[in-house]
Amino acid sequence: MTTWWLWLFIVPWPFVALLAGRNTRMAAGADWLRYGKNGFIRTYELTSVKVTAEGASRVLRLNDADERILSAQLNDLQRNRELWDLVYNGILHSVRGNGAETNKLARTLLDLDNPLRFRGE
């Protein structure tokens, strides 16, 4: 406690961990999603939409027609409302319009079985 210079090795680490954190980059356009370093996926050409539970978090796994695969933390995507609206519209179109494969957890959490959520054009 009296050796002040030892505190220089102890005190900064929590702040370094806080600053490094989970800084995941996300971007979405009208028909695509980019998440982290996993590349991008076409949201209106999805063949599979699945949600899995990994510990306390939910992971959204998307596959598109070009066989690209993207896994993303569901709460990360939903935290950005505008981005989530773009992604969700693509998911709904793929599931309802194109018959993308889903699992029960995806249908429940994303409310994909509700007929009022999608009006085919």
Protein backbone atom coordinates (compact mmCIF):
# COMPACT_ATOMS: atom_id res chain seq x y z
CA MET A 1 0.00 0.00 0.00
CA THR A 2 2.82 2.41 0.74
CA THR A 3 4.72 1.63 -2.47
CA TRP A 4 2.96 4.11 -4.75
CA TRP A 5 4.53 2.97 -8.04
CA LEU A 6 2.97 -0.52 -7.75
CA TRP A 7 -0.45 1.12 -8.16
CA LEU A 8 0.60 2.18 -11.67
CA PHE A 9 0.42 -1.51 -12.66
CA ILE A 10 -2.92 -2.19 -10.97
CA VAL A 11 -5.12 0.86 -11.53
CA PRO A 12 -5.07 1.27 -15.36
CA TRP A 13 -6.22 -2.27 -16.30
CA PRO A 14 -9.95 -1.87 -15.62
CA PHE A 15 -9.97 1.28 -17.74
CA VAL A 16 -8.09 -0.43 -20.58
CA ALA A 17 -10.60 -3.31 -20.54
CA LEU A 18 -13.49 -0.83 -20.50
CA LEU A 19 -12.12 1.12 -23.46
CA ALA A 20 -11.32 -2.02 -25.49
CA GLY A 21 -14.73 -3.55 -24.70
CA ARG A 22 -16.86 -5.14 -27.38
CA ASN A 23 -16.65 -2.63 -30.18
CA THR A 24 -18.50 -4.50 -32.93
CA ARG A 25 -18.96 -2.66 -36.19
CA MET A 26 -22.33 -3.01 -37.86
CA ALA A 27 -23.82 -1.54 -41.01
CA ALA A 28 -26.95 -2.20 -43.04
CA GLY A 29 -28.40 -1.07 -46.31
CA ALA A 30 -31.75 -1.64 -47.95
CA ASP A 31 -30.95 -5.29 -48.66
CA TRP A 32 -27.69 -6.18 -46.88
CA LEU A 33 -26.13 -6.47 -43.42
CA ARG A 34 -22.49 -6.29 -42.39
CA TYR A 35 -21.60 -7.38 -38.86
CA GLY A 36 -18.08 -7.38 -37.45
CA LYS A 37 -15.46 -9.06 -39.58
CA ASN A 38 -17.81 -11.81 -40.77
CA GLY A 39 -18.47 -10.16 -44.11
CA PHE A 40 -21.94 -9.30 -45.32
CA ILE A 41 -25.19 -11.05 -46.16
CA ARG A 42 -28.16 -10.25 -48.40
CA THR A 43 -31.17 -9.89 -46.10
CA TYR A 44 -33.81 -10.26 -48.83
CA GLU A 45 -32.24 -13.49 -50.14
CA LEU A 46 -32.05 -15.47 -46.88
CA THR A 47 -32.49 -19.23 -46.99
CA SER A 48 -32.22 -19.80 -43.24
CA VAL A 49 -33.03 -17.67 -40.19
CA LYS A 50 -32.27 -19.27 -36.84
CA VAL A 51 -31.85 -18.02 -33.29
CA THR A 52 -29.83 -20.02 -30.79
CA ALA A 53 -29.23 -19.49 -27.09
CA GLU A 54 -25.60 -19.21 -26.07
CA GLY A 55 -25.53 -18.63 -22.35
CA ALA A 56 -27.54 -15.55 -21.50
CA SER A 57 -27.37 -14.15 -25.04
CA ARG A 58 -29.24 -14.97 -28.23
CA VAL A 59 -27.37 -15.41 -31.50
CA LEU A 60 -29.03 -14.78 -34.87
CA ARG A 61 -27.67 -17.06 -37.61
CA LEU A 62 -28.44 -16.08 -41.18
CA ASN A 63 -27.67 -17.92 -44.44
CA ASP A 64 -28.33 -16.39 -47.85
CA ALA A 65 -28.77 -17.75 -51.37
CA ASP A 66 -25.05 -17.27 -52.15
CA GLU A 67 -24.21 -19.57 -49.20
CA ARG A 68 -22.85 -16.75 -47.05
CA ILE A 69 -23.28 -17.24 -43.31
CA LEU A 70 -23.47 -14.52 -40.70
CA SER A 71 -23.80 -14.90 -36.92
CA ALA A 72 -24.62 -11.87 -34.80
CA GLN A 73 -25.66 -11.13 -31.24
CA LEU A 74 -29.39 -10.39 -31.48
CA ASN A 75 -29.29 -7.69 -28.80
CA ASP A 76 -26.43 -5.90 -30.63
CA LEU A 77 -28.57 -5.64 -33.77
CA GLN A 78 -31.71 -4.61 -31.89
CA ARG A 79 -29.86 -1.90 -29.96
CA ASN A 80 -29.61 0.20 -33.15
CA ARG A 81 -33.26 0.76 -34.07
CA GLU A 82 -32.78 1.99 -37.64
CA LEU A 83 -30.37 -0.83 -38.47
CA TRP A 84 -32.70 -3.42 -36.91
CA ASP A 85 -35.66 -2.13 -38.95
CA LEU A 86 -33.73 -2.73 -42.18
CA VAL A 87 -32.59 -6.20 -41.11
CA TYR A 88 -36.01 -7.22 -39.77
CA ASN A 89 -37.78 -6.20 -42.97
CA GLY A 90 -35.38 -8.37 -44.95
CA ILE A 91 -35.91 -11.29 -42.56
CA LEU A 92 -39.70 -10.98 -42.83
CA HIS A 93 -39.53 -10.85 -46.62
CA SER A 94 -37.26 -13.88 -46.76
CA VAL A 95 -39.38 -15.94 -44.38
CA ARG A 96 -42.84 -14.97 -45.62
CA GLY A 97 -42.14 -14.28 -49.29
CA ASN A 98 -39.31 -16.71 -50.07
CA GLY A 99 -39.96 -19.47 -47.52
CA ALA A 100 -36.68 -19.24 -45.63
CA GLU A 101 -36.14 -22.00 -43.07
CA THR A 102 -36.61 -20.99 -39.42
CA ASN A 103 -36.49 -22.61 -36.02
CA LYS A 104 -38.99 -22.26 -33.17
CA LEU A 105 -36.87 -19.81 -31.18
CA ALA A 106 -36.54 -17.52 -34.22
CA ARG A 107 -40.30 -17.63 -34.89
CA THR A 108 -41.04 -16.85 -31.25
CA LEU A 109 -38.47 -14.13 -30.53
CA LEU A 110 -38.80 -12.41 -33.90
CA ASP A 111 -42.61 -12.81 -34.06
CA LEU A 112 -42.42 -14.39 -37.51
CA ASP A 113 -45.71 -16.31 -37.21
CA ASN A 114 -47.84 -13.18 -36.81
CA PRO A 115 -49.74 -12.70 -40.11
CA LEU A 116 -50.20 -8.98 -39.42
CA ARG A 117 -46.42 -8.38 -39.50
CA PHE A 118 -46.14 -8.87 -43.25
CA ARG A 119 -48.29 -7.80 -46.11
CA GLY A 120 -47.14 -9.35 -49.38
CA GLU A 121 -46.94 -6.94 -52.27
